[in-house]
């Protein structure tokens, strides 16, 4: 019985452990790849932040200009086509 356990343990050490170790090493990404992903995410967030700031600036400029500067009905804001 002890011999059977020893053979099974040796088989696990020879075949299973190296497979698991190589699988874990493949699963971990290299630091350079992780840095590149973080840099792309940072750039995406910066673009989104700039776009939102530009939209906010346009909205603020439109609100600061007052209702006379906006095309449309002065009471409800419904757009009136030019020439009507």
PDB file of N, CA and C in Angstrom:
ATOM      1  N   UNK A   1       0.826  -1.194   0.000  1.00  0.00           N
ATOM      2  CA  UNK A   1       0.000   0.000   0.000  1.00  0.00           C
ATOM      3  C   UNK A   1       0.865   1.251   0.000  1.00  0.00           C
ATOM      4  N   UNK A   2       1.937   1.239   0.759  1.00  0.00           N
ATOM      5  CA  UNK A   2       2.838   2.382   0.817  1.00  0.00           C
ATOM      6  C   UNK A   2       3.514   2.583  -0.529  1.00  0.00           C
ATOM      7  N   UNK A   3       3.819   1.483  -1.190  1.00  0.00           N
ATOM      8  CA  UNK A   3       4.451   1.578  -2.502  1.00  0.00           C
ATOM      9  C   UNK A   3       3.507   2.235  -3.509  1.00  0.00           C
ATOM     10  N   UNK A   4       2.221   1.936  -3.445  1.00  0.00           N
ATOM     11  CA  UNK A   4       1.240   2.537  -4.337  1.00  0.00           C
ATOM     12  C   UNK A   4       1.156   4.049  -4.119  1.00  0.00           C
ATOM     13  N   UNK A   5       1.130   4.451  -2.873  1.00  0.00           N
ATOM     14  CA  UNK A   5       1.067   5.893  -2.554  1.00  0.00           C
ATOM     15  C   UNK A   5       2.329   6.593  -3.043  1.00  0.00           C
ATOM     16  N   UNK A   6       3.477   5.948  -2.861  1.00  0.00           N
ATOM     17  CA  UNK A   6       4.737   6.538  -3.307  1.00  0.00           C
ATOM     18  C   UNK A   6       4.751   6.682  -4.832  1.00  0.00           C
ATOM     19  N   UNK A   7       4.258   5.688  -5.562  1.00  0.00           N
ATOM     20  CA  UNK A   7       4.229   5.754  -7.029  1.00  0.00           C
ATOM     21  C   UNK A   7       3.281   6.863  -7.496  1.00  0.00           C
ATOM     22  N   UNK A   8       2.131   6.975  -6.850  1.00  0.00           N
ATOM     23  CA  UNK A   8       1.185   8.027  -7.216  1.00  0.00           C
ATOM     24  C   UNK A   8       1.777   9.406  -6.917  1.00  0.00           C
ATOM     25  N   UNK A   9       2.398   9.555  -5.747  1.00  0.00           N
ATOM     26  CA  UNK A   9       3.006  10.838  -5.380  1.00  0.00           C
ATOM     27  C   UNK A   9       4.119  11.198  -6.357  1.00  0.00           C
ATOM     28  N   UNK A  10       4.934  10.227  -6.747  1.00  0.00           N
ATOM     29  CA  UNK A  10       6.005  10.490  -7.702  1.00  0.00           C
ATOM     30  C   UNK A  10       5.432  10.876  -9.062  1.00  0.00           C
ATOM     31  N   UNK A  11       4.363  10.215  -9.488  1.00  0.00           N
ATOM     32  CA  UNK A  11       3.714  10.556 -10.747  1.00  0.00           C
ATOM     33  C   UNK A  11       3.158  11.976 -10.727  1.00  0.00           C
ATOM     34  N   UNK A  12       2.560  12.364  -9.619  1.00  0.00           N
ATOM     35  CA  UNK A  12       2.051  13.731  -9.484  1.00  0.00           C
ATOM     36  C   UNK A  12       3.198  14.725  -9.555  1.00  0.00           C
ATOM     37  N   UNK A  13       4.293  14.437  -8.857  1.00  0.00           N
ATOM     38  CA  UNK A  13       5.440  15.354  -8.866  1.00  0.00           C
ATOM     39  C   UNK A  13       6.063  15.465 -10.256  1.00  0.00           C
ATOM     40  N   UNK A  14       6.100  14.371 -10.994  1.00  0.00           N
ATOM     41  CA  UNK A  14       6.771  14.379 -12.295  1.00  0.00           C
ATOM     42  C   UNK A  14       5.884  14.983 -13.386  1.00  0.00           C
ATOM     43  N   UNK A  15       4.588  14.692 -13.368  1.00  0.00           N
ATOM     44  CA  UNK A  15       3.734  15.106 -14.480  1.00  0.00           C
ATOM     45  C   UNK A  15       2.822  16.295 -14.167  1.00  0.00           C
ATOM     46  N   UNK A  16       2.226  16.318 -13.004  1.00  0.00           N
ATOM     47  CA  UNK A  16       1.222  17.339 -12.710  1.00  0.00           C
ATOM     48  C   UNK A  16       1.853  18.651 -12.273  1.00  0.00           C
ATOM     49  N   UNK A  17       2.831  18.608 -11.397  1.00  0.00           N
ATOM     50  CA  UNK A  17       3.428  19.843 -10.873  1.00  0.00           C
ATOM     51  C   UNK A  17       4.061  20.686 -11.988  1.00  0.00           C
ATOM     52  N   UNK A  18       4.860  20.131 -12.894  1.00  0.00           N
ATOM     53  CA  UNK A  18       5.416  20.980 -13.963  1.00  0.00           C
ATOM     54  C   UNK A  18       4.327  21.599 -14.851  1.00  0.00           C
ATOM     55  N   UNK A  19       3.255  20.834 -15.111  1.00  0.00           N
ATOM     56  CA  UNK A  19       2.160  21.373 -15.914  1.00  0.00           C
ATOM     57  C   UNK A  19       1.505  22.555 -15.203  1.00  0.00           C
ATOM     58  N   UNK A  20       1.249  22.419 -13.927  1.00  0.00           N
ATOM     59  CA  UNK A  20       0.605  23.492 -13.171  1.00  0.00           C
ATOM     60  C   UNK A  20       1.517  24.709 -13.092  1.00  0.00           C
ATOM     61  N   UNK A  21       2.793  24.504 -12.887  1.00  0.00           N
ATOM     62  CA  UNK A  21       3.735  25.628 -12.810  1.00  0.00           C
ATOM     63  C   UNK A  21       3.789  26.372 -14.141  1.00  0.00           C
ATOM     64  N   UNK A  22       3.875  25.651 -15.254  1.00  0.00           N
ATOM     65  CA  UNK A  22       3.924  26.325 -16.554  1.00  0.00           C
ATOM     66  C   UNK A  22       2.603  27.025 -16.850  1.00  0.00           C
ATOM     67  N   UNK A  23       1.476  26.456 -16.422  1.00  0.00           N
ATOM     68  CA  UNK A  23       0.171  27.083 -16.630  1.00  0.00           C
ATOM     69  C   UNK A  23       0.072  28.389 -15.849  1.00  0.00           C
ATOM     70  N   UNK A  24       0.578  28.391 -14.617  1.00  0.00           N
ATOM     71  CA  UNK A  24       0.555  29.610 -13.796  1.00  0.00           C
ATOM     72  C   UNK A  24       1.445  30.674 -14.418  1.00  0.00           C
ATOM     73  N   UNK A  25       2.609  30.282 -14.918  1.00  0.00           N
ATOM     74  CA  UNK A  25       3.515  31.264 -15.540  1.00  0.00           C
ATOM     75  C   UNK A  25       2.896  31.859 -16.797  1.00  0.00           C
ATOM     76  N   UNK A  26       2.180  31.053 -17.583  1.00  0.00           N
ATOM     77  CA  UNK A  26       1.520  31.572 -18.779  1.00  0.00           C
ATOM     78  C   UNK A  26       0.358  32.480 -18.418  1.00  0.00           C
ATOM     79  N   UNK A  27      -0.317  32.186 -17.304  1.00  0.00           N
ATOM     80  CA  UNK A  27      -1.480  32.969 -16.899  1.00  0.00           C
ATOM     81  C   UNK A  27      -1.072  34.374 -16.460  1.00  0.00           C
ATOM     82  N   UNK A  28       0.094  34.501 -15.877  1.00  0.00           N
ATOM     83  CA  UNK A  28       0.552  35.829 -15.461  1.00  0.00           C
ATOM     84  C   UNK A  28       1.075  36.580 -16.665  1.00  0.00           C
ATOM     85  N   UNK A  29       0.615  37.817 -16.821  1.00  0.00           N
ATOM     86  CA  UNK A  29       1.066  38.622 -17.946  1.00  0.00           C
ATOM     87  C   UNK A  29       2.372  39.311 -17.582  1.00  0.00           C
ATOM     88  N   UNK A  30       3.205  39.536 -18.561  1.00  0.00           N
ATOM     89  CA  UNK A  30       4.446  40.249 -18.281  1.00  0.00           C
ATOM     90  C   UNK A  30       4.144  41.678 -17.842  1.00  0.00           C
ATOM     91  N   UNK A  31       5.007  42.256 -17.036  1.00  0.00           N
ATOM     92  CA  UNK A  31       4.780  43.619 -16.551  1.00  0.00           C
ATOM     93  C   UNK A  31       4.662  44.650 -17.685  1.00  0.00           C
ATOM     94  N   UNK A  32       5.395  44.461 -18.769  1.00  0.00           N
ATOM     95  CA  UNK A  32       5.323  45.416 -19.877  1.00  0.00           C
ATOM     96  C   UNK A  32       3.932  45.422 -20.501  1.00  0.00           C
ATOM     97  N   UNK A  33       3.330  44.251 -20.637  1.00  0.00           N
ATOM     98  CA  UNK A  33       1.985  44.179 -21.197  1.00  0.00           C
ATOM     99  C   UNK A  33       0.982  44.850 -20.266  1.00  0.00           C
ATOM    100  N   UNK A  34       1.130  44.641 -18.987  1.00  0.00           N
ATOM    101  CA  UNK A  34       0.238  45.265 -18.005  1.00  0.00           C
ATOM    102  C   UNK A  34       0.395  46.789 -18.044  1.00  0.00           C
ATOM    103  N   UNK A  35       1.634  47.265 -18.124  1.00  0.00           N
ATOM    104  CA  UNK A  35       1.865  48.720 -18.208  1.00  0.00           C
ATOM    105  C   UNK A  35       1.238  49.293 -19.462  1.00  0.00           C
ATOM    106  N   UNK A  36       1.350  48.581 -20.586  1.00  0.00           N
ATOM    107  CA  UNK A  36       0.770  49.057 -21.845  1.00  0.00           C
ATOM    108  C   UNK A  36      -0.751  49.151 -21.724  1.00  0.00           C
ATOM    109  N   UNK A  37      -1.381  48.154 -21.107  1.00  0.00           N
ATOM    110  CA  UNK A  37      -2.826  48.195 -20.902  1.00  0.00           C
ATOM    111  C   UNK A  37      -3.225  49.370 -20.022  1.00  0.00           C
ATOM    112  N   UNK A  38      -2.466  49.610 -18.956  1.00  0.00           N
ATOM    113  CA  UNK A  38      -2.766  50.736 -18.075  1.00  0.00           C
ATOM    114  C   UNK A  38      -2.592  52.068 -18.806  1.00  0.00           C
ATOM    115  N   UNK A  39      -1.568  52.168 -19.658  1.00  0.00           N
ATOM    116  CA  UNK A  39      -1.345  53.398 -20.414  1.00  0.00           C
ATOM    117  C   UNK A  39      -2.483  53.647 -21.399  1.00  0.00           C
ATOM    118  N   UNK A  40      -2.955  52.604 -22.080  1.00  0.00           N
ATOM    119  CA  UNK A  40      -4.082  52.759 -23.005  1.00  0.00           C
ATOM    120  C   UNK A  40      -5.349  53.177 -22.264  1.00  0.00           C
ATOM    121  N   UNK A  41      -5.570  52.597 -21.105  1.00  0.00           N
ATOM    122  CA  UNK A  41      -6.743  52.973 -20.304  1.00  0.00           C
ATOM    123  C   UNK A  41      -6.628  54.427 -19.845  1.00  0.00           C
ATOM    124  N   UNK A  42      -5.428  54.844 -19.440  1.00  0.00           N
ATOM    125  CA  UNK A  42      -5.219  56.225 -19.013  1.00  0.00           C
ATOM    126  C   UNK A  42      -5.484  57.188 -20.165  1.00  0.00           C
ATOM    127  N   UNK A  43      -5.013  56.852 -21.369  1.00  0.00           N
ATOM    128  CA  UNK A  43      -5.241  57.699 -22.539  1.00  0.00           C
ATOM    129  C   UNK A  43      -6.728  57.769 -22.882  1.00  0.00           C
ATOM    130  N   UNK A  44      -7.427  56.651 -22.778  1.00  0.00           N
ATOM    131  CA  UNK A  44      -8.864  56.644 -23.062  1.00  0.00           C
ATOM    132  C   UNK A  44      -9.608  57.540 -22.083  1.00  0.00           C
ATOM    133  N   UNK A  45      -9.248  57.441 -20.804  1.00  0.00           N
ATOM    134  CA  UNK A  45      -9.896  58.282 -19.799  1.00  0.00           C
ATOM    135  C   UNK A  45      -9.580  59.756 -20.020  1.00  0.00           C
ATOM    136  N   UNK A  46      -8.345  60.068 -20.432  1.00  0.00           N
ATOM    137  CA  UNK A  46      -7.980  61.462 -20.693  1.00  0.00           C
ATOM    138  C   UNK A  46      -8.785  62.014 -21.874  1.00  0.00           C
ATOM    139  N   UNK A  47      -8.940  61.213 -22.938  1.00  0.00           N
ATOM    140  CA  UNK A  47      -9.761  61.669 -24.073  1.00  0.00           C
ATOM    141  C   UNK A  47     -11.203  61.902 -23.651  1.00  0.00           C
ATOM    142  N   UNK A  48     -11.733  60.986 -22.873  1.00  0.00           N
ATOM    143  CA  UNK A  48     -13.112  61.130 -22.417  1.00  0.00           C
ATOM    144  C   UNK A  48     -13.252  62.372 -21.536  1.00  0.00           C
ATOM    145  N   UNK A  49     -12.284  62.612 -20.663  1.00  0.00           N
ATOM    146  CA  UNK A  49     -12.319  63.781 -19.792  1.00  0.00           C
ATOM    147  C   UNK A  49     -12.276  65.072 -20.604  1.00  0.00           C
ATOM    148  N   UNK A  50     -11.413  65.106 -21.647  1.00  0.00           N
ATOM    149  CA  UNK A  50     -11.334  66.304 -22.504  1.00  0.00           C
ATOM    150  C   UNK A  50     -12.638  66.517 -23.250  1.00  0.00           C
ATOM    151  N   UNK A  51     -13.242  65.440 -23.755  1.00  0.00           N
ATOM    152  CA  UNK A  51     -14.498  65.562 -24.486  1.00  0.00           C
ATOM    153  C   UNK A  51     -15.605  66.088 -23.574  1.00  0.00           C
ATOM    154  N   UNK A  52     -15.684  65.551 -22.363  1.00  0.00           N
ATOM    155  CA  UNK A  52     -16.703  66.015 -21.423  1.00  0.00           C
ATOM    156  C   UNK A  52     -16.470  67.468 -21.021  1.00  0.00           C
ATOM    157  N   UNK A  53     -15.208  67.857 -20.850  1.00  0.00           N
ATOM    158  CA  UNK A  53     -14.911  69.249 -20.507  1.00  0.00           C
ATOM    159  C   UNK A  53     -15.299  70.173 -21.648  1.00  0.00           C
ATOM    160  N   UNK A  54     -15.063  69.750 -22.895  1.00  0.00           N
ATOM    161  CA  UNK A  54     -15.447  70.567 -24.043  1.00  0.00           C
ATOM    162  C   UNK A  54     -16.965  70.695 -24.115  1.00  0.00           C
ATOM    163  N   UNK A  55     -17.682  69.611 -23.897  1.00  0.00           N
ATOM    164  CA  UNK A  55     -19.139  69.678 -23.903  1.00  0.00           C
ATOM    165  C   UNK A  55     -19.647  70.594 -22.793  1.00  0.00           C
ATOM    166  N   UNK A  56     -19.037  70.492 -21.628  1.00  0.00           N
ATOM    167  CA  UNK A  56     -19.441  71.325 -20.502  1.00  0.00           C
ATOM    168  C   UNK A  56     -19.154  72.795 -20.808  1.00  0.00           C
ATOM    169  N   UNK A  57     -18.021  73.055 -21.472  1.00  0.00           N
ATOM    170  CA  UNK A  57     -17.676  74.422 -21.844  1.00  0.00           C
ATOM    171  C   UNK A  57     -18.654  74.988 -22.859  1.00  0.00           C
ATOM    172  N   UNK A  58     -19.051  74.178 -23.834  1.00  0.00           N
ATOM    173  CA  UNK A  58     -20.019  74.642 -24.822  1.00  0.00           C
ATOM    174  C   UNK A  58     -21.364  74.924 -24.175  1.00  0.00           C
ATOM    175  N   UNK A  59     -21.767  74.059 -23.263  1.00  0.00           N
ATOM    176  CA  UNK A  59     -23.033  74.250 -22.576  1.00  0.00           C
ATOM    177  C   UNK A  59     -22.988  75.513 -21.719  1.00  0.00           C
ATOM    178  N   UNK A  60     -21.878  75.716 -21.017  1.00  0.00           N
ATOM    179  CA  UNK A  60     -21.747  76.904 -20.176  1.00  0.00           C
ATOM    180  C   UNK A  60     -21.759  78.166 -21.037  1.00  0.00           C
ATOM    181  N   UNK A  61     -21.089  78.119 -22.193  1.00  0.00           N
ATOM    182  CA  UNK A  61     -21.076  79.291 -23.075  1.00  0.00           C
ATOM    183  C   UNK A  61     -22.472  79.560 -23.622  1.00  0.00           C
ATOM    184  N   UNK A  62     -23.192  78.503 -23.941  1.00  0.00           N
ATOM    185  CA  UNK A  62     -24.550  78.661 -24.458  1.00  0.00           C
ATOM    186  C   UNK A  62     -25.467  79.233 -23.384  1.00  0.00           C
ATOM    187  N   UNK A  63     -25.339  78.761 -22.156  1.00  0.00           N
ATOM    188  CA  UNK A  63     -26.170  79.279 -21.069  1.00  0.00           C
ATOM    189  C   UNK A  63     -25.789  80.705 -20.712  1.00  0.00           C
ATOM    190  N   UNK A  64     -24.494  81.041 -20.797  1.00  0.00           N
ATOM    191  CA  UNK A  64     -24.046  82.393 -20.476  1.00  0.00           C
ATOM    192  C   UNK A  64     -24.514  83.394 -21.522  1.00  0.00           C
ATOM    193  N   UNK A  65     -24.710  82.955 -22.766  1.00  0.00           N
ATOM    194  CA  UNK A  65     -25.137  83.859 -23.827  1.00  0.00           C
ATOM    195  C   UNK A  65     -26.583  84.284 -23.641  1.00  0.00           C
ATOM    196  N   UNK A  66     -27.353  83.522 -22.904  1.00  0.00           N
ATOM    197  CA  UNK A  66     -28.738  83.897 -22.639  1.00  0.00           C
ATOM    198  C   UNK A  66     -29.679  83.308 -23.661  1.00  0.00           C
ATOM    199  N   UNK A  67     -30.977  83.464 -23.412  1.00  0.00           N
ATOM    200  CA  UNK A  67     -31.963  82.856 -24.304  1.00  0.00           C
ATOM    201  C   UNK A  67     -32.034  83.522 -25.671  1.00  0.00           C
ATOM    202  N   UNK A  68     -31.608  84.758 -25.799  1.00  0.00           N
ATOM    203  CA  UNK A  68     -31.694  85.441 -27.087  1.00  0.00           C
ATOM    204  C   UNK A  68     -30.727  84.847 -28.097  1.00  0.00           C
ATOM    205  N   UNK A  69     -29.635  84.278 -27.622  1.00  0.00           N
ATOM    206  CA  UNK A  69     -28.630  83.731 -28.532  1.00  0.00           C
ATOM    207  C   UNK A  69     -29.019  82.348 -29.043  1.00  0.00           C
ATOM    208  N   UNK A  70     -29.919  81.671 -28.330  1.00  0.00           N
ATOM    209  CA  UNK A  70     -30.311  80.327 -28.730  1.00  0.00           C
ATOM    210  C   UNK A  70     -31.427  80.380 -29.759  1.00  0.00           C
ATOM    211  N   UNK A  71     -31.298  79.614 -30.845  1.00  0.00           N
ATOM    212  CA  UNK A  71     -32.379  79.618 -31.830  1.00  0.00           C
ATOM    213  C   UNK A  71     -33.579  78.860 -31.289  1.00  0.00           C
ATOM    214  N   UNK A  72     -34.751  79.361 -31.551  1.00  0.00           N
ATOM    215  CA  UNK A  72     -35.959  78.663 -31.130  1.00  0.00           C
ATOM    216  C   UNK A  72     -36.878  79.580 -30.357  1.00  0.00           C
ATOM    217  N   UNK A  73     -37.927  79.014 -29.883  1.00  0.00           N
ATOM    218  CA  UNK A  73     -38.936  79.753 -29.131  1.00  0.00           C
ATOM    219  C   UNK A  73     -38.331  80.264 -27.831  1.00  0.00           C
ATOM    220  N   UNK A  74     -38.473  81.563 -27.523  1.00  0.00           N
ATOM    221  CA  UNK A  74     -37.867  82.093 -26.301  1.00  0.00           C
ATOM    222  C   UNK A  74     -38.551  81.588 -25.031  1.00  0.00           C
ATOM    223  N   UNK A  75     -39.781  81.082 -25.123  1.00  0.00           N
ATOM    224  CA  UNK A  75     -40.478  80.634 -23.924  1.00  0.00           C
ATOM    225  C   UNK A  75     -40.251  79.152 -23.652  1.00  0.00           C
ATOM    226  N   UNK A  76     -40.369  78.334 -24.710  1.00  0.00           N
ATOM    227  CA  UNK A  76     -40.255  76.890 -24.458  1.00  0.00           C
ATOM    228  C   UNK A  76     -38.972  76.277 -25.007  1.00  0.00           C
ATOM    229  N   UNK A  77     -38.254  76.994 -25.883  1.00  0.00           N
ATOM    230  CA  UNK A  77     -37.003  76.488 -26.430  1.00  0.00           C
ATOM    231  C   UNK A  77     -37.176  75.567 -27.604  1.00  0.00           C
ATOM    232  N   UNK A  78     -38.409  75.394 -28.090  1.00  0.00           N
ATOM    233  CA  UNK A  78     -38.646  74.526 -29.236  1.00  0.00           C
ATOM    234  C   UNK A  78     -37.931  75.099 -30.456  1.00  0.00           C
ATOM    235  N   UNK A  79     -37.146  74.292 -31.176  1.00  0.00           N
ATOM    236  CA  UNK A  79     -36.376  74.835 -32.302  1.00  0.00           C
ATOM    237  C   UNK A  79     -37.285  75.325 -33.436  1.00  0.00           C
ATOM    238  N   UNK A  80     -37.025  76.539 -33.878  1.00  0.00           N
ATOM    239  CA  UNK A  80     -37.766  77.124 -35.004  1.00  0.00           C
ATOM    240  C   UNK A  80     -36.822  77.122 -36.188  1.00  0.00           C
ATOM    241  N   UNK A  81     -37.226  76.494 -37.286  1.00  0.00           N
ATOM    242  CA  UNK A  81     -36.331  76.450 -38.456  1.00  0.00           C
ATOM    243  C   UNK A  81     -36.121  77.859 -39.023  1.00  0.00           C
ATOM    244  N   UNK A  82     -34.927  78.104 -39.565  1.00  0.00           N
ATOM    245  CA  UNK A  82     -34.676  79.419 -40.146  1.00  0.00           C
ATOM    246  C   UNK A  82     -35.601  79.662 -41.334  1.00  0.00           C
ATOM    247  N   UNK A  83     -36.073  80.889 -41.475  1.00  0.00           N
ATOM    248  CA  UNK A  83     -36.954  81.247 -42.576  1.00  0.00           C
ATOM    249  C   UNK A  83     -38.422  81.065 -42.245  1.00  0.00           C
ATOM    250  N   UNK A  84     -38.733  80.666 -41.038  1.00  0.00           N
ATOM    251  CA  UNK A  84     -40.149  80.482 -40.686  1.00  0.00           C
ATOM    252  C   UNK A  84     -40.719  81.763 -40.108  1.00  0.00           C
TER     253      UNK A  84
END
